Amino acid sequence: MLTDMSRRISFLMHDISRHSRYWFDARAKSRGLTRAQWRVLISLAHSEESPTQSELADRLDVERITLCRMVDRMAEAGLLERHADPSDRRVWRLQLTDKAAPLVDDLSDIANEMEENMLSPLDAEQREQLTHLLSIVRNHIRSQEERAVQPASAGAGR
């Protein structure tokens, strides 16, 4: 017997993600930004230190060359700046400009509105429970990924 695909958790998560991306993209586009650019801005806004381009690419799970092109365009638009790393001149650290702050606030408002709209059928307790359960699943997936990346020789020599 086949399972109703619309009831599978992986299908539901993918479908919700797809709809939210479309919803967000349409609103971000009116501000002249893409979702990918917003991810760069929000990540830099929440960074305690100015990350390197490589660190940011890893954090956002994008290719370094892809991020480099995005950073080029965003620097040209005056939204971020590259600064030479004091300990390694070959490394660039990224920092938001004052011009980016209102955009970060505006796009954060859009994200908050989107989340509120998506979760409006749920009461506060259900939202908390959903957040808790999804966090458990995400942390489990991350731990599985970390174990898969560990060298096979780590358990050798017993």
Protein backbone atom coordinates (compact mmCIF):
# COMPACT_ATOMS: atom_id res chain seq x y z
CA MET A 1 0.00 0.00 0.00
CA LEU A 2 1.39 3.40 -1.00
CA THR A 3 1.57 6.18 1.55
CA ASP A 4 -0.27 9.40 0.72
CA MET A 5 2.72 11.58 -0.29
CA SER A 6 1.02 14.77 0.89
CA ARG A 7 1.11 13.37 4.45
CA ARG A 8 4.82 12.45 4.47
CA ILE A 9 6.85 14.76 6.69
CA SER A 10 9.64 15.20 4.12
CA PHE A 11 7.09 16.18 1.47
CA LEU A 12 5.36 18.61 3.84
CA MET A 13 8.64 20.25 4.89
CA HIS A 14 9.74 20.59 1.27
CA ASP A 15 6.37 22.00 0.20
CA ILE A 16 6.29 24.52 3.06
CA SER A 17 9.87 25.54 2.28
CA ARG A 18 9.11 25.99 -1.42
CA HIS A 19 6.03 28.13 -0.75
CA SER A 20 7.83 30.27 1.79
CA ARG A 21 10.76 30.82 -0.61
CA TYR A 22 8.41 32.01 -3.35
CA TRP A 23 6.53 34.26 -0.93
CA PHE A 24 9.75 35.76 0.43
CA ASP A 25 11.40 36.15 -3.00
CA ALA A 26 8.46 38.14 -4.33
CA ARG A 27 8.67 40.59 -1.43
CA ALA A 28 12.48 40.81 -1.35
CA LYS A 29 12.54 41.50 -5.10
CA SER A 30 10.51 44.66 -4.49
CA ARG A 31 13.46 45.83 -2.34
CA GLY A 32 15.93 45.03 -5.12
CA LEU A 33 17.39 41.97 -3.39
CA THR A 34 17.31 38.24 -3.80
CA ARG A 35 16.80 35.73 -0.98
CA ALA A 36 20.44 34.69 -1.39
CA GLN A 37 21.57 38.28 -0.86
CA TRP A 38 19.29 38.57 2.16
CA ARG A 39 20.90 35.45 3.62
CA VAL A 40 24.30 37.13 3.26
CA LEU A 41 23.05 40.33 4.89
CA ILE A 42 21.29 38.59 7.78
CA SER A 43 24.24 36.27 8.39
CA LEU A 44 26.64 39.22 8.56
CA ALA A 45 24.22 41.15 10.78
CA HIS A 46 24.19 38.26 13.26
CA SER A 47 27.95 37.63 13.17
CA GLU A 48 29.87 38.61 16.27
CA GLU A 49 33.04 38.99 14.22
CA SER A 50 33.54 39.85 10.58
CA PRO A 51 33.72 36.44 8.88
CA THR A 52 36.00 35.66 5.99
CA GLN A 53 34.43 35.00 2.61
CA SER A 54 35.30 31.31 3.01
CA GLU A 55 33.70 31.13 6.45
CA LEU A 56 30.56 32.81 5.17
CA ALA A 57 30.37 30.49 2.13
CA ASP A 58 30.60 27.49 4.45
CA ARG A 59 27.98 28.93 6.80
CA LEU A 60 25.57 29.57 3.92
CA ASP A 61 26.41 26.27 2.21
CA VAL A 62 27.29 27.91 -1.11
CA GLU A 63 30.31 27.60 -3.36
CA ARG A 64 33.03 30.14 -2.66
CA ILE A 65 32.97 31.48 -6.21
CA THR A 66 29.19 31.95 -6.00
CA LEU A 67 29.55 33.93 -2.79
CA CYS A 68 32.45 35.93 -4.25
CA ARG A 69 30.27 37.09 -7.16
CA MET A 70 27.44 37.96 -4.79
CA VAL A 71 29.81 39.87 -2.52
CA ASP A 72 31.19 41.74 -5.55
CA ARG A 73 27.68 42.94 -6.49
CA MET A 74 26.73 43.79 -2.92
CA ALA A 75 29.99 45.69 -2.35
CA GLU A 76 29.37 47.59 -5.58
CA ALA A 77 25.90 48.49 -4.25
CA GLY A 78 27.49 49.76 -1.03
CA LEU A 79 25.86 47.12 1.21
CA LEU A 80 29.04 45.51 2.50
CA GLU A 81 32.76 46.07 2.57
CA ARG A 82 35.78 43.83 2.38
CA HIS A 83 38.58 44.46 4.83
CA ALA A 84 41.98 42.80 4.77
CA ASP A 85 42.50 40.40 7.65
CA PRO A 86 45.17 41.88 9.95
CA SER A 87 46.93 38.53 10.35
CA ASP A 88 46.72 37.38 6.70
CA ARG A 89 46.67 39.87 3.83
CA ARG A 90 45.35 37.20 1.44
CA VAL A 91 42.12 36.89 3.44
CA TRP A 92 39.18 39.27 3.18
CA ARG A 93 36.77 39.83 6.07
CA LEU A 94 33.24 41.02 5.35
CA GLN A 95 31.33 43.73 7.15
CA LEU A 96 27.96 45.38 6.57
CA THR A 97 27.82 49.07 5.80
CA ASP A 98 25.45 51.55 7.38
CA LYS A 99 23.50 51.51 4.11
CA ALA A 100 22.63 47.82 4.70
CA ALA A 101 21.12 48.26 8.16
CA PRO A 102 17.68 49.51 7.00
CA LEU A 103 17.52 46.69 4.44
CA VAL A 104 18.33 44.09 7.09
CA ASP A 105 15.55 45.53 9.26
CA ASP A 106 13.09 45.65 6.36
CA LEU A 107 13.82 42.12 5.20
CA SER A 108 13.70 40.83 8.78
CA ASP A 109 10.23 42.37 9.04
CA ILE A 110 9.25 40.54 5.84
CA ALA A 111 10.56 37.25 7.28
CA ASN A 112 8.68 37.84 10.54
CA GLU A 113 5.49 38.65 8.64
CA MET A 114 5.92 35.51 6.54
CA GLU A 115 6.44 33.33 9.60
CA GLU A 116 3.47 34.88 11.40
CA ASN A 117 1.31 34.29 8.33
CA MET A 118 2.46 30.67 7.98
CA LEU A 119 1.94 29.86 11.65
CA SER A 120 -1.32 31.79 12.15
CA PRO A 121 -3.43 28.59 12.32
CA LEU A 122 -1.39 27.47 15.38
CA ASP A 123 -1.73 28.74 18.92
CA ALA A 124 1.33 29.70 21.01
CA GLU A 125 1.65 26.24 22.57
CA GLN A 126 1.50 24.52 19.18
CA ARG A 127 4.11 26.91 17.77
CA GLU A 128 6.42 26.16 20.68
CA GLN A 129 5.89 22.43 20.24
CA LEU A 130 6.55 22.64 16.48
CA THR A 131 9.73 24.62 17.07
CA HIS A 132 10.87 22.14 19.70
CA LEU A 133 10.19 19.07 17.54
CA LEU A 134 11.81 20.55 14.42
CA SER A 135 14.88 21.50 16.50
CA ILE A 136 15.20 17.91 17.69
CA VAL A 137 15.02 16.62 14.11
CA ARG A 138 17.51 19.23 12.85
CA ASN A 139 19.98 18.45 15.64
CA HIS A 140 19.70 14.74 14.94
CA ILE A 141 20.39 15.29 11.24
CA ARG A 142 23.40 17.47 12.07
CA SER A 143 24.81 14.84 14.42
CA GLN A 144 24.37 12.19 11.72
CA GLU A 145 26.19 14.40 9.22
CA GLU A 146 29.03 15.03 11.68
CA ARG A 147 29.46 11.30 12.28
CA ALA A 148 29.48 10.62 8.54
CA VAL A 149 32.27 13.18 8.03
CA GLN A 150 34.52 11.81 10.77
CA PRO A 151 37.48 9.85 9.37
CA ALA A 152 36.98 6.10 9.23
CA SER A 153 40.32 5.65 10.98
CA ALA A 154 38.98 7.34 14.15
CA GLY A 155 37.68 4.01 15.39
CA ALA A 156 40.69 1.97 14.19
CA GLY A 157 43.31 0.55 16.50
CA ARG A 158 41.02 -0.95 19.11
